[in-house]
Amino acid sequence: MNTHADRRTPVEDLAGFIETAYLKVGLPEKDAKLAAGLMAEADRIGADGHGVFRLPQYIERIQAGGMNITPDIRIDSERAAMAVLNGDNAMGHLVIHRAAQIAMEKAETCGIGWVGVHHSNHAGPAALYAKMPMERDMIGLYCAIGNANHLPPWGGTEMLLSTNPIAVGVPSGEQAPIVLDMATTVAAYGKVKQKVMSGEMMPEGWMVDKLGQPLTDPRRADEGFLLPIGGPKGYGLGLIIGILAGTLNGAAFGRDVIDFNADNKTTTNTGQFVLALDIAAFMDVDEFKRQVDVVWETMKSSPKLPGFDEIRLPGERSHQVSVDRGTHGIPVHPDLRIRLDALAAKLGIDPLT
């Protein structure tokens, strides 16, 4: 008898299922294919809380009228090395993919391209967009306002900040690329939602209740808030990302942030930005990649503390997962498969194979 881990879905089948669902609710074919490919890629790299897991929620939002399926994604203002992109309340995946393309085009001319975004939506894992510039031998950086506030300012009690993630992608030579992808909270809220689905408890340190006591039952998440990484340092980093991705772009921040987990209709005005750095503007690309390999090997060769069997670099595990899943398919949790089967029945499409 197969175990849950053995029952996998090929990446292309997962993307096809997502695309079919989007076509059924009215997305244009090109947009449905692009969004589906990015979501399947999220699952391939191991970002399980941001791939097909989010599909029922996205579909509900589209059907409730909270997302524009025929948007006019356009540049509001720009200079040589920057632009501000109006997402017109489109799917976030479509908006940030466009922002990354513009940032790379500007970096090819100026050495750097920074594109800020407003009126976007949730766009999945940050790593997707930090990695895009690497395809053109560039360093990518992506930051975003989370789509619901889950923590207060350090020492406060009103939830005014979100997970506000940051990701950086650095190409290498022979080694896997170095890709940092992290929330500014100890855990991303998507992981909390996954714990609810799987019936598991959260580790201590993810959340506390409003009296400051550890909160480990994910079903009681509304009774508390996430904790920032590094205490006040994580709060400060999340705040700065909020200003750069939100305030600077005319997007929602603080009390203006809409909880897209609870409200499917109100426009979220999500803010994000993508930065691309053309390595060739700084030094020879092949030499840079060789030096990144040296950095990789230097870190890996460090003597290890007791209890550690390996030193990992950011993105190493994700790279290993992506290779495995690209070959053997995506594991889909049984409870998630039930949700996806229900979605397929509701939309009148074939279930996920």
Protein backbone atom coordinates (compact mmCIF):
# COMPACT_ATOMS: atom_id res chain seq x y z
CA MET A 1 0.00 0.00 0.00
CA ASN A 2 1.37 3.43 -0.93
CA THR A 3 2.06 5.98 1.76
CA HIS A 4 1.20 9.65 1.49
CA ALA A 5 4.83 10.41 0.57
CA ASP A 6 4.71 7.87 -2.28
CA ARG A 7 1.61 9.33 -3.91
CA ARG A 8 2.95 12.17 -5.99
CA THR A 9 1.62 14.26 -8.83
CA PRO A 10 3.90 15.24 -11.74
CA VAL A 11 4.67 18.96 -11.78
CA GLU A 12 3.13 19.38 -15.23
CA ASP A 13 -0.10 17.66 -14.12
CA LEU A 14 -0.33 19.92 -11.08
CA ALA A 15 0.18 23.00 -13.28
CA GLY A 16 -2.43 21.70 -15.71
CA PHE A 17 -4.99 21.23 -12.94
CA ILE A 18 -4.40 24.76 -11.64
CA GLU A 19 -4.60 26.21 -15.14
CA THR A 20 -7.90 24.42 -15.82
CA ALA A 21 -9.36 25.80 -12.59
CA TYR A 22 -8.35 29.35 -13.53
CA LEU A 23 -9.74 29.02 -17.03
CA LYS A 24 -13.02 27.84 -15.54
CA VAL A 25 -13.38 31.03 -13.48
CA GLY A 26 -12.58 33.30 -16.41
CA LEU A 27 -8.84 34.02 -16.46
CA PRO A 28 -7.48 34.56 -19.97
CA GLU A 29 -5.53 31.55 -21.24
CA LYS A 30 -2.13 33.25 -21.14
CA ASP A 31 -2.65 34.48 -17.58
CA ALA A 32 -4.02 31.14 -16.37
CA LYS A 33 -0.99 29.31 -17.75
CA LEU A 34 1.51 31.76 -16.25
CA ALA A 35 -0.10 31.80 -12.80
CA ALA A 36 -0.46 28.02 -12.78
CA GLY A 37 3.18 27.53 -13.76
CA LEU A 38 4.38 29.81 -10.96
CA MET A 39 2.19 28.08 -8.38
CA ALA A 40 3.38 24.62 -9.45
CA GLU A 41 6.94 25.92 -9.28
CA ALA A 42 6.27 27.01 -5.69
CA ASP A 43 5.39 23.42 -4.84
CA ARG A 44 8.39 22.10 -6.76
CA ILE A 45 10.82 24.16 -4.66
CA GLY A 46 9.16 23.03 -1.44
CA ALA A 47 7.11 26.14 -0.60
CA ASP A 48 4.09 23.96 0.15
CA GLY A 49 2.17 26.72 1.91
CA HIS A 50 2.23 28.88 -1.23
CA GLY A 51 1.53 26.53 -4.12
CA VAL A 52 -1.63 24.56 -4.94
CA PHE A 53 -2.49 24.82 -1.22
CA ARG A 54 -3.61 28.40 -1.97
CA LEU A 55 -5.73 27.55 -5.01
CA PRO A 56 -9.13 27.21 -3.25
CA GLN A 57 -8.57 30.56 -1.52
CA TYR A 58 -7.58 32.31 -4.76
CA ILE A 59 -10.60 30.85 -6.56
CA GLU A 60 -12.93 32.01 -3.78
CA ARG A 61 -11.51 35.51 -4.03
CA ILE A 62 -11.94 35.59 -7.81
CA GLN A 63 -15.51 34.34 -7.57
CA ALA A 64 -16.32 36.89 -4.86
CA GLY A 65 -15.14 39.71 -7.13
CA GLY A 66 -12.15 40.56 -4.95
CA MET A 67 -9.61 40.11 -7.75
CA ASN A 68 -9.54 41.52 -11.28
CA ILE A 69 -9.25 38.77 -13.88
CA THR A 70 -8.93 41.14 -16.85
CA PRO A 71 -6.49 43.74 -15.47
CA ASP A 72 -4.59 46.54 -17.15
CA ILE A 73 -1.20 46.09 -15.47
CA ARG A 74 0.65 49.29 -16.28
CA ILE A 75 3.54 51.57 -15.34
CA ASP A 76 2.40 54.63 -13.40
CA SER A 77 5.77 56.36 -13.28
CA GLU A 78 9.36 55.54 -14.18
CA ARG A 79 12.90 56.75 -14.61
CA ALA A 80 15.91 55.03 -16.13
CA ALA A 81 16.52 52.57 -13.29
CA MET A 82 13.11 52.41 -11.60
CA ALA A 83 9.39 52.15 -12.14
CA VAL A 84 6.17 52.02 -10.16
CA LEU A 85 3.78 49.38 -11.47
CA ASN A 86 -0.01 49.50 -11.01
CA GLY A 87 -1.23 45.92 -10.68
CA ASP A 88 -4.89 46.90 -11.22
CA ASN A 89 -5.89 44.32 -8.57
CA ALA A 90 -4.65 41.42 -10.71
CA MET A 91 -3.38 38.10 -9.38
CA GLY A 92 -0.13 38.87 -7.60
CA HIS A 93 1.77 36.25 -9.58
CA LEU A 94 1.01 38.09 -12.82
CA VAL A 95 1.92 41.48 -11.40
CA ILE A 96 5.25 40.47 -9.88
CA HIS A 97 6.26 38.44 -12.91
CA ARG A 98 5.76 41.62 -14.94
CA ALA A 99 7.64 43.69 -12.36
CA ALA A 100 10.59 41.29 -12.48
CA GLN A 101 10.74 41.50 -16.28
CA ILE A 102 10.80 45.31 -16.16
CA ALA A 103 13.45 45.31 -13.41
CA MET A 104 15.70 43.03 -15.48
CA GLU A 105 15.27 45.15 -18.60
CA LYS A 106 16.27 48.25 -16.68
CA ALA A 107 19.23 46.49 -15.08
CA GLU A 108 20.57 45.53 -18.50
CA THR A 109 20.78 49.24 -19.32
CA CYS A 110 21.56 50.81 -15.96
CA GLY A 111 23.16 47.97 -13.99
CA ILE A 112 20.26 48.12 -11.56
CA GLY A 113 16.48 48.00 -11.87
CA TRP A 114 14.02 48.61 -9.01
CA VAL A 115 10.29 48.17 -9.62
CA GLY A 116 7.78 48.90 -6.90
CA VAL A 117 4.20 47.69 -7.06
CA HIS A 118 0.81 48.76 -5.73
CA HIS A 119 -2.67 47.27 -6.13
CA SER A 120 -1.21 43.79 -6.39
CA ASN A 121 -2.26 40.65 -4.49
CA HIS A 122 -0.70 37.70 -2.69
CA ALA A 123 1.95 36.28 -5.04
CA GLY A 124 3.22 33.10 -3.39
CA PRO A 125 6.75 32.48 -2.13
CA ALA A 126 9.27 35.30 -2.30
CA ALA A 127 11.96 33.03 -3.72
CA LEU A 128 10.09 32.70 -7.03
CA TYR A 129 10.77 36.32 -7.88
CA ALA A 130 14.25 36.67 -6.36
CA LYS A 131 15.33 33.76 -8.58
CA MET A 132 14.02 35.21 -11.85
CA PRO A 133 16.93 37.66 -12.38
CA MET A 134 19.39 34.79 -11.94
CA GLU A 135 18.27 33.50 -15.34
CA ARG A 136 19.94 36.60 -16.84
CA ASP A 137 23.08 36.42 -14.65
CA MET A 138 21.68 38.97 -12.21
CA ILE A 139 21.17 39.09 -8.46
CA GLY A 140 17.51 39.36 -7.50
CA LEU A 141 15.88 40.81 -4.41
CA TYR A 142 12.16 40.73 -3.60
CA CYS A 143 10.22 42.11 -0.64
CA ALA A 144 6.50 42.28 0.08
CA ILE A 145 3.82 43.36 2.49
CA GLY A 146 2.11 40.27 3.88
CA ASN A 147 -1.60 40.00 3.15
CA ALA A 148 -2.75 40.04 6.76
CA ASN A 149 -1.34 41.57 9.94
CA HIS A 150 -0.16 38.91 12.36
CA LEU A 151 2.09 40.70 14.84
CA PRO A 152 2.29 43.97 16.75
CA PRO A 153 5.21 46.38 16.89
CA TRP A 154 7.76 45.26 19.48
CA GLY A 155 6.26 45.86 22.91
CA GLY A 156 2.77 46.57 21.55
CA THR A 157 -0.45 44.58 21.31
CA GLU A 158 -2.21 45.88 18.16
CA MET A 159 -1.38 43.77 15.12
CA LEU A 160 0.01 46.34 12.68
CA LEU A 161 2.65 44.29 10.86
CA SER A 162 2.67 41.20 8.71
CA THR A 163 5.22 38.50 7.89
CA ASN A 164 6.78 40.94 5.36
CA PRO A 165 9.14 38.50 3.59
CA ILE A 166 12.48 39.14 1.95
CA ALA A 167 14.24 36.96 -0.62
CA VAL A 168 17.62 37.28 -2.35
CA GLY A 169 18.83 35.09 -5.21
CA VAL A 170 22.56 34.86 -6.03
CA PRO A 171 23.74 32.80 -9.04
CA SER A 172 26.73 30.49 -8.68
CA GLY A 173 28.95 28.38 -10.92
CA GLU A 174 29.15 24.67 -10.14
CA GLN A 175 27.22 24.83 -6.90
CA ALA A 176 23.52 25.41 -6.37
CA PRO A 177 22.55 29.11 -6.28
CA ILE A 178 22.36 30.82 -2.91
CA VAL A 179 18.73 31.79 -2.30
CA LEU A 180 17.62 33.36 0.96
CA ASP A 181 13.84 33.33 1.42
CA MET A 182 12.48 34.22 4.83
CA ALA A 183 9.64 35.87 6.62
CA THR A 184 10.49 38.50 9.19
CA THR A 185 8.46 36.40 11.64
CA VAL A 186 9.70 33.14 13.14
CA ALA A 187 7.21 31.27 10.96
CA ALA A 188 5.21 32.27 7.92
CA TYR A 189 1.44 32.26 8.50
CA GLY A 190 1.03 29.75 5.68
CA LYS A 191 2.82 27.23 7.90
CA VAL A 192 0.27 27.88 10.64
CA LYS A 193 -2.54 27.15 8.16
CA GLN A 194 -0.78 23.96 7.09
CA LYS A 195 -0.65 22.84 10.74
CA VAL A 196 -4.42 23.35 10.96
CA MET A 197 -4.92 21.19 7.87
CA SER A 198 -2.62 18.40 9.11
CA GLY A 199 -3.96 18.46 12.69
CA GLU A 200 -0.48 19.07 14.11
CA MET A 201 0.52 21.43 16.91
CA MET A 202 2.92 24.32 16.41
CA PRO A 203 6.33 24.42 18.10
CA GLU A 204 6.74 26.85 20.96
CA GLY A 205 8.25 30.09 19.70
CA TRP A 206 6.04 30.55 16.63
CA MET A 207 3.20 32.37 18.36
CA VAL A 208 2.15 33.75 21.75
CA ASP A 209 -1.28 34.65 23.06
CA LYS A 210 -2.24 38.21 23.96
CA LEU A 211 -0.85 37.70 27.46
CA GLY A 212 2.52 36.72 26.05
CA GLN A 213 2.15 33.00 26.80
CA PRO A 214 3.20 30.33 24.24
CA LEU A 215 0.43 29.42 21.79
CA THR A 216 0.85 26.01 20.13
CA ASP A 217 -2.66 25.14 18.92
CA PRO A 218 -2.92 26.48 15.34
CA ARG A 219 -6.73 26.41 15.57
CA ARG A 220 -6.43 29.18 18.20
CA ALA A 221 -4.17 31.36 16.03
CA ASP A 222 -6.73 34.19 16.10
CA GLU A 223 -6.17 34.43 19.87
CA GLY A 224 -2.54 35.48 19.50
CA PHE A 225 0.14 36.70 17.15
CA LEU A 226 3.32 35.59 15.41
CA LEU A 227 6.69 36.47 16.87
CA PRO A 228 9.34 38.39 14.91
CA ILE A 229 12.74 36.86 14.23
CA GLY A 230 15.37 38.18 16.62
CA GLY A 231 12.90 40.09 18.77
CA PRO A 232 13.12 43.85 18.15
CA LYS A 233 15.53 43.34 15.23
CA GLY A 234 12.94 41.33 13.32
CA TYR A 235 10.32 43.94 14.12
CA GLY A 236 12.62 46.66 12.76
CA LEU A 237 13.33 44.72 9.58
CA GLY A 238 9.64 44.04 9.01
CA LEU A 239 8.87 47.72 9.55
CA ILE A 240 11.46 48.87 6.99
CA ILE A 241 10.22 46.34 4.43
CA GLY A 242 6.72 47.66 5.05
CA ILE A 243 7.84 51.20 4.26
CA LEU A 244 9.78 50.20 1.12
CA ALA A 245 7.20 47.78 -0.28
CA GLY A 246 4.09 49.55 0.97
CA THR A 247 4.39 53.22 1.86
CA LEU A 248 6.89 54.09 -0.91
CA ASN A 249 4.60 52.54 -3.54
CA GLY A 250 1.32 53.96 -2.30
CA ALA A 251 0.26 50.49 -1.17
CA ALA A 252 -1.41 49.35 2.05
CA PHE A 253 0.59 49.22 5.29
CA GLY A 254 -0.29 49.12 8.98
CA ARG A 255 -3.99 49.59 9.67
CA ASP A 256 -4.75 49.74 5.92
CA VAL A 257 -3.75 46.10 5.32
CA ILE A 258 -6.73 43.88 4.42
CA ASP A 259 -6.79 40.37 5.90
CA PHE A 260 -7.29 38.33 2.76
CA ASN A 261 -7.90 35.24 4.88
CA ALA A 262 -11.12 36.78 6.21
CA ASP A 263 -12.20 39.15 3.42
CA ASN A 264 -12.55 37.92 -0.17
CA LYS A 265 -14.11 41.07 -1.62
CA THR A 266 -12.13 44.13 -0.54
CA THR A 267 -9.21 45.20 -2.73
CA THR A 268 -6.02 44.48 -0.80
CA ASN A 269 -3.73 47.02 -2.54
CA THR A 270 -0.77 44.76 -1.78
CA GLY A 271 2.68 46.32 -2.14
CA GLN A 272 5.85 44.57 -3.29
CA PHE A 273 9.12 45.42 -5.00
CA VAL A 274 11.66 43.61 -7.15
CA LEU A 275 15.30 44.64 -7.49
CA ALA A 276 17.64 43.28 -10.17
CA LEU A 277 21.43 43.83 -10.15
CA ASP A 278 23.36 43.08 -13.34
CA ILE A 279 26.54 41.34 -12.21
CA ALA A 280 28.32 42.35 -15.41
CA ALA A 281 28.06 45.98 -14.33
CA PHE A 282 30.21 45.15 -11.29
CA MET A 283 32.63 42.46 -12.48
CA ASP A 284 33.13 39.57 -14.87
CA VAL A 285 30.14 37.25 -14.49
CA ASP A 286 32.09 33.98 -14.65
CA GLU A 287 34.59 35.24 -12.09
CA PHE A 288 31.76 36.27 -9.77
CA LYS A 289 30.21 32.81 -10.03
CA ARG A 290 33.56 31.19 -9.29
CA GLN A 291 33.90 33.37 -6.20
CA VAL A 292 30.39 32.43 -5.06
CA ASP A 293 31.45 28.78 -5.37
CA VAL A 294 34.45 29.62 -3.14
CA VAL A 295 32.10 31.18 -0.60
CA TRP A 296 29.94 28.06 -0.77
CA GLU A 297 32.89 25.72 -0.22
CA THR A 298 34.30 27.90 2.56
CA MET A 299 31.04 27.84 4.51
CA LYS A 300 30.59 24.10 4.02
CA SER A 301 34.15 23.36 5.23
CA SER A 302 33.72 25.07 8.60
CA PRO A 303 34.22 22.75 11.61
CA LYS A 304 30.80 21.79 13.00
CA LEU A 305 29.37 22.25 16.45
CA PRO A 306 28.37 19.12 18.36
CA GLY A 307 24.94 17.95 17.21
CA PHE A 308 25.31 19.30 13.66
CA ASP A 309 25.95 16.81 10.87
CA GLU A 310 25.95 19.36 8.04
CA ILE A 311 26.33 23.07 7.32
CA ARG A 312 23.78 24.32 4.82
CA LEU A 313 23.62 27.48 2.79
CA PRO A 314 20.38 29.37 2.12
CA GLY A 315 18.46 27.66 -0.66
CA GLU A 316 20.42 24.40 -0.53
CA ARG A 317 17.57 22.32 0.84
CA SER A 318 15.09 23.95 -1.55
CA HIS A 319 17.37 23.08 -4.47
CA GLN A 320 17.53 19.45 -3.36
CA VAL A 321 13.75 19.33 -2.97
CA SER A 322 13.23 20.87 -6.41
CA VAL A 323 15.44 18.25 -8.05
CA ASP A 324 13.63 15.43 -6.27
CA ARG A 325 10.14 16.75 -7.00
CA GLY A 326 11.01 17.60 -10.58
CA THR A 327 11.86 13.92 -11.05
CA HIS A 328 9.37 12.16 -8.78
CA GLY A 329 6.48 14.61 -8.58
CA ILE A 330 4.81 16.76 -5.93
CA PRO A 331 3.51 15.15 -2.72
CA VAL A 332 -0.04 16.35 -2.03
CA HIS A 333 -1.28 15.90 1.54
CA PRO A 334 -4.44 13.73 1.72
CA ASP A 335 -6.41 16.50 3.42
CA LEU A 336 -5.37 18.97 0.73
CA ARG A 337 -6.31 16.47 -1.96
CA ILE A 338 -9.81 16.29 -0.42
CA ARG A 339 -10.07 20.07 -0.63
CA LEU A 340 -8.87 20.06 -4.22
CA ASP A 341 -11.33 17.29 -5.15
CA ALA A 342 -14.13 19.38 -3.66
CA LEU A 343 -12.95 22.40 -5.64
CA ALA A 344 -12.85 20.35 -8.84
CA ALA A 345 -16.41 19.11 -8.25
CA LYS A 346 -17.59 22.67 -7.56
CA LEU A 347 -15.99 23.96 -10.77
CA GLY A 348 -17.00 20.96 -12.86
CA ILE A 349 -13.45 20.00 -13.86
CA ASP A 350 -11.51 16.74 -13.64
CA PRO A 351 -9.92 16.12 -10.23
CA LEU A 352 -6.17 16.22 -9.72
CA THR A 353 -4.67 12.94 -10.91
